Amino acid sequence: MGLINEQMQGQQPAQPADDAPMPDDTGADDAGNSEAYDAAIQYAMTALYKQGGAKQLAAALRSAGDNPAQAMADAAYQMMQIIDEKTGGDIPDEELVPLATEVLTEVAEVGEAAGLQIDGATIAEAMKAMLVRFVREQGGDTAQLEQAMNQIDPATFNQIAAGDGEQQPQEA
């Protein structure tokens, strides 16, 4: 993962052009995301696709052996740490999970492009690993989080990964 870290560490925050339109008062884009969120996505995409980080990521995921979910979680977590540093911690708390989800989804797409079989259950396992790691590193108790995450049907993640969007109620 070294190249991804190197690529992301070397980036500077995106600066608007002098003739760029002024942002609105909310600091949010048309999708309701903050400028820090948009900058974070730009950092990740630039590091992955314009600076070659995706090749290193693909190699790391291919070498993960029988635990691609953990490798995906570790890669996405490292990217999130760097993104947080690059944005000076400006990403609003309420946008951290959606951002982490988007970063993890991009990591999964790199893995799929590298020939790995990644389904919703693998993405769910990776997301769980990321969240548990975050809570643990913040000094929190992970027992309740792990219990709640274990109750989520992996089919929900399959729907989201397939682009079906919102969850549909599951019949019992």
C-alpha atoms as a PDB file:
ATOM      1  CA  MET A   1       0.000   0.000   0.000  1.00  0.00           C
ATOM      2  CA  GLY A   2       3.010   2.245   0.112  1.00  0.00           C
ATOM      3  CA  LEU A   3       2.410   3.843  -3.273  1.00  0.00           C
ATOM      4  CA  ILE A   4      -1.168   4.794  -2.397  1.00  0.00           C
ATOM      5  CA  ASN A   5       0.055   6.459   0.773  1.00  0.00           C
ATOM      6  CA  GLU A   6       2.875   8.189  -1.110  1.00  0.00           C
ATOM      7  CA  GLN A   7       0.548   9.352  -3.855  1.00  0.00           C
ATOM      8  CA  MET A   8      -2.049  10.663  -1.441  1.00  0.00           C
ATOM      9  CA  GLN A   9       0.520  12.261   0.887  1.00  0.00           C
ATOM     10  CA  GLY A  10       2.006  14.296  -1.981  1.00  0.00           C
ATOM     11  CA  GLN A  11      -1.274  15.943  -2.973  1.00  0.00           C
ATOM     12  CA  GLN A  12      -2.208  19.475  -2.117  1.00  0.00           C
ATOM     13  CA  PRO A  13      -5.785  20.532  -1.409  1.00  0.00           C
ATOM     14  CA  ALA A  14      -7.691  21.431  -4.539  1.00  0.00           C
ATOM     15  CA  GLN A  15      -7.885  25.170  -4.998  1.00  0.00           C
ATOM     16  CA  PRO A  16     -10.614  26.826  -7.057  1.00  0.00           C
ATOM     17  CA  ALA A  17      -9.590  28.732 -10.150  1.00  0.00           C
ATOM     18  CA  ASP A  18      -9.664  32.511  -9.880  1.00  0.00           C
ATOM     19  CA  ASP A  19     -12.646  32.645 -12.236  1.00  0.00           C
ATOM     20  CA  ALA A  20     -14.524  29.783 -10.537  1.00  0.00           C
ATOM     21  CA  PRO A  21     -18.035  30.596  -9.366  1.00  0.00           C
ATOM     22  CA  MET A  22     -18.318  31.358  -5.689  1.00  0.00           C
ATOM     23  CA  PRO A  23     -19.733  28.535  -3.589  1.00  0.00           C
ATOM     24  CA  ASP A  24     -23.109  28.975  -1.992  1.00  0.00           C
ATOM     25  CA  ASP A  25     -23.470  29.824   1.696  1.00  0.00           C
ATOM     26  CA  THR A  26     -23.827  26.200   2.799  1.00  0.00           C
ATOM     27  CA  GLY A  27     -20.475  25.031   1.481  1.00  0.00           C
ATOM     28  CA  ALA A  28     -22.296  22.056   0.003  1.00  0.00           C
ATOM     29  CA  ASP A  29     -22.405  20.775  -3.551  1.00  0.00           C
ATOM     30  CA  ASP A  30     -25.558  19.881  -5.482  1.00  0.00           C
ATOM     31  CA  ALA A  31     -25.624  16.456  -3.801  1.00  0.00           C
ATOM     32  CA  GLY A  32     -25.496  18.106  -0.367  1.00  0.00           C
ATOM     33  CA  ASN A  33     -21.880  17.167   0.322  1.00  0.00           C
ATOM     34  CA  SER A  34     -19.494  19.623   1.932  1.00  0.00           C
ATOM     35  CA  GLU A  35     -16.515  21.056   0.084  1.00  0.00           C
ATOM     36  CA  ALA A  36     -14.253  18.957   2.325  1.00  0.00           C
ATOM     37  CA  TYR A  37     -16.116  15.809   1.235  1.00  0.00           C
ATOM     38  CA  ASP A  38     -15.711  16.724  -2.418  1.00  0.00           C
ATOM     39  CA  ALA A  39     -12.009  17.480  -1.894  1.00  0.00           C
ATOM     40  CA  ALA A  40     -11.600  14.125  -0.149  1.00  0.00           C
ATOM     41  CA  ILE A  41     -13.117  12.272  -3.083  1.00  0.00           C
ATOM     42  CA  GLN A  42     -10.858  14.221  -5.441  1.00  0.00           C
ATOM     43  CA  TYR A  43      -7.773  13.224  -3.412  1.00  0.00           C
ATOM     44  CA  ALA A  44      -8.737   9.563  -3.494  1.00  0.00           C
ATOM     45  CA  MET A  45      -9.557   9.480  -7.205  1.00  0.00           C
ATOM     46  CA  THR A  46      -6.399  11.364  -8.129  1.00  0.00           C
ATOM     47  CA  ALA A  47      -4.190   9.063  -6.053  1.00  0.00           C
ATOM     48  CA  LEU A  48      -5.845   5.956  -7.463  1.00  0.00           C
ATOM     49  CA  TYR A  49      -6.314   6.809 -11.112  1.00  0.00           C
ATOM     50  CA  LYS A  50      -4.075   9.706 -12.076  1.00  0.00           C
ATOM     51  CA  GLN A  51      -1.068   8.805  -9.983  1.00  0.00           C
ATOM     52  CA  GLY A  52      -1.107   5.026 -10.352  1.00  0.00           C
ATOM     53  CA  GLY A  53      -2.195   4.011  -6.879  1.00  0.00           C
ATOM     54  CA  ALA A  54      -4.835   1.643  -8.267  1.00  0.00           C
ATOM     55  CA  LYS A  55      -2.131  -0.655  -9.673  1.00  0.00           C
ATOM     56  CA  GLN A  56      -0.460  -0.977  -6.279  1.00  0.00           C
ATOM     57  CA  LEU A  57      -3.830  -1.431  -4.615  1.00  0.00           C
ATOM     58  CA  ALA A  58      -4.789  -4.156  -7.092  1.00  0.00           C
ATOM     59  CA  ALA A  59      -1.535  -5.995  -6.422  1.00  0.00           C
ATOM     60  CA  ALA A  60      -2.046  -5.744  -2.666  1.00  0.00           C
ATOM     61  CA  LEU A  61      -5.618  -7.015  -2.924  1.00  0.00           C
ATOM     62  CA  ARG A  62      -4.571  -9.918  -5.167  1.00  0.00           C
ATOM     63  CA  SER A  63      -1.921 -10.921  -2.618  1.00  0.00           C
ATOM     64  CA  ALA A  64      -4.402 -10.821   0.284  1.00  0.00           C
ATOM     65  CA  GLY A  65      -4.952 -14.567   0.059  1.00  0.00           C
ATOM     66  CA  ASP A  66      -8.136 -15.835   1.607  1.00  0.00           C
ATOM     67  CA  ASN A  67      -9.130 -12.577   3.307  1.00  0.00           C
ATOM     68  CA  PRO A  68      -9.853  -9.923   0.680  1.00  0.00           C
ATOM     69  CA  ALA A  69     -12.344  -8.191   2.990  1.00  0.00           C
ATOM     70  CA  GLN A  70      -9.643  -7.402   5.545  1.00  0.00           C
ATOM     71  CA  ALA A  71      -7.270  -6.205   2.820  1.00  0.00           C
ATOM     72  CA  MET A  72     -10.022  -3.959   1.411  1.00  0.00           C
ATOM     73  CA  ALA A  73     -10.816  -2.630   4.883  1.00  0.00           C
ATOM     74  CA  ASP A  74      -7.165  -1.903   5.624  1.00  0.00           C
ATOM     75  CA  ALA A  75      -6.660  -0.101   2.302  1.00  0.00           C
ATOM     76  CA  ALA A  76      -9.821   1.986   2.644  1.00  0.00           C
ATOM     77  CA  TYR A  77      -8.999   2.799   6.274  1.00  0.00           C
ATOM     78  CA  GLN A  78      -5.510   4.003   5.339  1.00  0.00           C
ATOM     79  CA  MET A  79      -6.987   6.114   2.565  1.00  0.00           C
ATOM     80  CA  MET A  80      -9.498   7.612   5.008  1.00  0.00           C
ATOM     81  CA  GLN A  81      -6.718   8.506   7.469  1.00  0.00           C
ATOM     82  CA  ILE A  82      -4.762  10.287   4.757  1.00  0.00           C
ATOM     83  CA  ILE A  83      -7.880  12.005   3.437  1.00  0.00           C
ATOM     84  CA  ASP A  84      -8.694  13.226   6.951  1.00  0.00           C
ATOM     85  CA  GLU A  85      -5.182  14.650   7.282  1.00  0.00           C
ATOM     86  CA  LYS A  86      -5.305  16.279   3.837  1.00  0.00           C
ATOM     87  CA  THR A  87      -8.598  17.998   4.590  1.00  0.00           C
ATOM     88  CA  GLY A  88      -7.354  19.137   7.987  1.00  0.00           C
ATOM     89  CA  GLY A  89     -10.115  17.168   9.675  1.00  0.00           C
ATOM     90  CA  ASP A  90     -12.716  19.386   7.982  1.00  0.00           C
ATOM     91  CA  ILE A  91     -14.990  16.562   6.854  1.00  0.00           C
ATOM     92  CA  PRO A  92     -18.162  16.839   8.935  1.00  0.00           C
ATOM     93  CA  ASP A  93     -18.768  13.857  11.215  1.00  0.00           C
ATOM     94  CA  GLU A  94     -22.047  13.079   9.487  1.00  0.00           C
ATOM     95  CA  GLU A  95     -20.174  12.646   6.196  1.00  0.00           C
ATOM     96  CA  LEU A  96     -17.478  10.284   7.462  1.00  0.00           C
ATOM     97  CA  VAL A  97     -19.449   7.049   7.041  1.00  0.00           C
ATOM     98  CA  PRO A  98     -20.755   7.967   3.568  1.00  0.00           C
ATOM     99  CA  LEU A  99     -17.211   8.950   2.579  1.00  0.00           C
ATOM    100  CA  ALA A 100     -15.769   5.721   3.977  1.00  0.00           C
ATOM    101  CA  THR A 101     -18.435   3.799   2.085  1.00  0.00           C
ATOM    102  CA  GLU A 102     -17.553   5.560  -1.145  1.00  0.00           C
ATOM    103  CA  VAL A 103     -13.831   4.951  -0.626  1.00  0.00           C
ATOM    104  CA  LEU A 104     -14.449   1.289   0.198  1.00  0.00           C
ATOM    105  CA  THR A 105     -16.654   0.940  -2.886  1.00  0.00           C
ATOM    106  CA  GLU A 106     -13.834   2.327  -5.003  1.00  0.00           C
ATOM    107  CA  VAL A 107     -11.388  -0.104  -3.397  1.00  0.00           C
ATOM    108  CA  ALA A 108     -13.822  -2.930  -4.233  1.00  0.00           C
ATOM    109  CA  GLU A 109     -14.039  -1.765  -7.847  1.00  0.00           C
ATOM    110  CA  VAL A 110     -10.246  -1.837  -8.105  1.00  0.00           C
ATOM    111  CA  GLY A 111     -10.319  -5.356  -6.681  1.00  0.00           C
ATOM    112  CA  GLU A 112     -12.949  -6.475  -9.169  1.00  0.00           C
ATOM    113  CA  ALA A 113     -10.956  -4.954 -12.029  1.00  0.00           C
ATOM    114  CA  ALA A 114      -7.969  -6.951 -10.728  1.00  0.00           C
ATOM    115  CA  GLY A 115      -9.983 -10.142 -11.129  1.00  0.00           C
ATOM    116  CA  LEU A 116     -11.141 -10.698  -7.561  1.00  0.00           C
ATOM    117  CA  GLN A 117     -14.640 -11.967  -6.853  1.00  0.00           C
ATOM    118  CA  ILE A 118     -16.108  -9.317  -4.576  1.00  0.00           C
ATOM    119  CA  ASP A 119     -19.744  -9.546  -3.574  1.00  0.00           C
ATOM    120  CA  GLY A 120     -21.942  -7.699  -1.118  1.00  0.00           C
ATOM    121  CA  ALA A 121     -20.979 -10.010   1.728  1.00  0.00           C
ATOM    122  CA  THR A 122     -17.288  -9.211   1.186  1.00  0.00           C
ATOM    123  CA  ILE A 123     -18.034  -5.482   1.116  1.00  0.00           C
ATOM    124  CA  ALA A 124     -20.157  -5.844   4.271  1.00  0.00           C
ATOM    125  CA  GLU A 125     -17.331  -7.684   6.029  1.00  0.00           C
ATOM    126  CA  ALA A 126     -14.853  -5.000   4.950  1.00  0.00           C
ATOM    127  CA  MET A 127     -17.139  -2.189   6.140  1.00  0.00           C
ATOM    128  CA  LYS A 128     -17.602  -3.936   9.469  1.00  0.00           C
ATOM    129  CA  ALA A 129     -13.829  -4.331   9.852  1.00  0.00           C
ATOM    130  CA  MET A 130     -13.305  -0.628   9.069  1.00  0.00           C
ATOM    131  CA  LEU A 131     -15.932   0.555  11.550  1.00  0.00           C
ATOM    132  CA  VAL A 132     -14.782  -1.782  14.308  1.00  0.00           C
ATOM    133  CA  ARG A 133     -11.186  -0.640  13.811  1.00  0.00           C
ATOM    134  CA  PHE A 134     -12.225   3.011  13.972  1.00  0.00           C
ATOM    135  CA  VAL A 135     -14.239   2.539  17.159  1.00  0.00           C
ATOM    136  CA  ARG A 136     -11.440   0.474  18.731  1.00  0.00           C
ATOM    137  CA  GLU A 137      -8.799   3.091  17.848  1.00  0.00           C
ATOM    138  CA  GLN A 138     -11.009   5.797  19.348  1.00  0.00           C
ATOM    139  CA  GLY A 139     -11.051   3.834  22.602  1.00  0.00           C
ATOM    140  CA  GLY A 140     -14.642   2.667  22.280  1.00  0.00           C
ATOM    141  CA  ASP A 141     -16.245  -0.659  23.078  1.00  0.00           C
ATOM    142  CA  THR A 142     -16.816  -2.583  19.859  1.00  0.00           C
ATOM    143  CA  ALA A 143     -19.128  -5.276  21.256  1.00  0.00           C
ATOM    144  CA  GLN A 144     -22.404  -3.473  20.500  1.00  0.00           C
ATOM    145  CA  LEU A 145     -21.217  -2.362  17.076  1.00  0.00           C
ATOM    146  CA  GLU A 146     -20.152  -5.891  16.150  1.00  0.00           C
ATOM    147  CA  GLN A 147     -23.468  -7.283  17.370  1.00  0.00           C
ATOM    148  CA  ALA A 148     -25.441  -4.738  15.332  1.00  0.00           C
ATOM    149  CA  MET A 149     -23.318  -5.266  12.219  1.00  0.00           C
ATOM    150  CA  ASN A 150     -23.813  -9.035  12.472  1.00  0.00           C
ATOM    151  CA  GLN A 151     -27.556  -8.486  12.213  1.00  0.00           C
ATOM    152  CA  ILE A 152     -27.355  -6.754   8.815  1.00  0.00           C
ATOM    153  CA  ASP A 153     -28.338  -9.060   5.995  1.00  0.00           C
ATOM    154  CA  PRO A 154     -25.481  -9.259   3.447  1.00  0.00           C
ATOM    155  CA  ALA A 155     -28.158  -9.216   0.725  1.00  0.00           C
ATOM    156  CA  THR A 156     -28.668  -5.555   1.619  1.00  0.00           C
ATOM    157  CA  PHE A 157     -25.070  -4.865   0.635  1.00  0.00           C
ATOM    158  CA  ASN A 158     -25.544  -6.899  -2.559  1.00  0.00           C
ATOM    159  CA  GLN A 159     -28.457  -4.609  -3.470  1.00  0.00           C
ATOM    160  CA  ILE A 160     -26.423  -1.489  -2.774  1.00  0.00           C
ATOM    161  CA  ALA A 161     -23.397  -2.827  -4.656  1.00  0.00           C
ATOM    162  CA  ALA A 162     -25.616  -3.706  -7.612  1.00  0.00           C
ATOM    163  CA  GLY A 163     -26.821  -0.105  -7.721  1.00  0.00           C
ATOM    164  CA  ASP A 164     -30.325  -0.785  -6.521  1.00  0.00           C
ATOM    165  CA  GLY A 165     -29.914   2.126  -4.160  1.00  0.00           C
ATOM    166  CA  GLU A 166     -32.126   2.130  -1.129  1.00  0.00           C
ATOM    167  CA  GLN A 167     -32.820  -0.860   1.003  1.00  0.00           C
ATOM    168  CA  GLN A 168     -36.011  -2.756   0.440  1.00  0.00           C
ATOM    169  CA  PRO A 169     -37.787  -4.225   3.468  1.00  0.00           C
ATOM    170  CA  GLN A 170     -36.949  -7.909   3.846  1.00  0.00           C
ATOM    171  CA  GLU A 171     -39.884 -10.256   4.172  1.00  0.00           C
ATOM    172  CA  ALA A 172     -39.693 -12.616   7.108  1.00  0.00           C
END
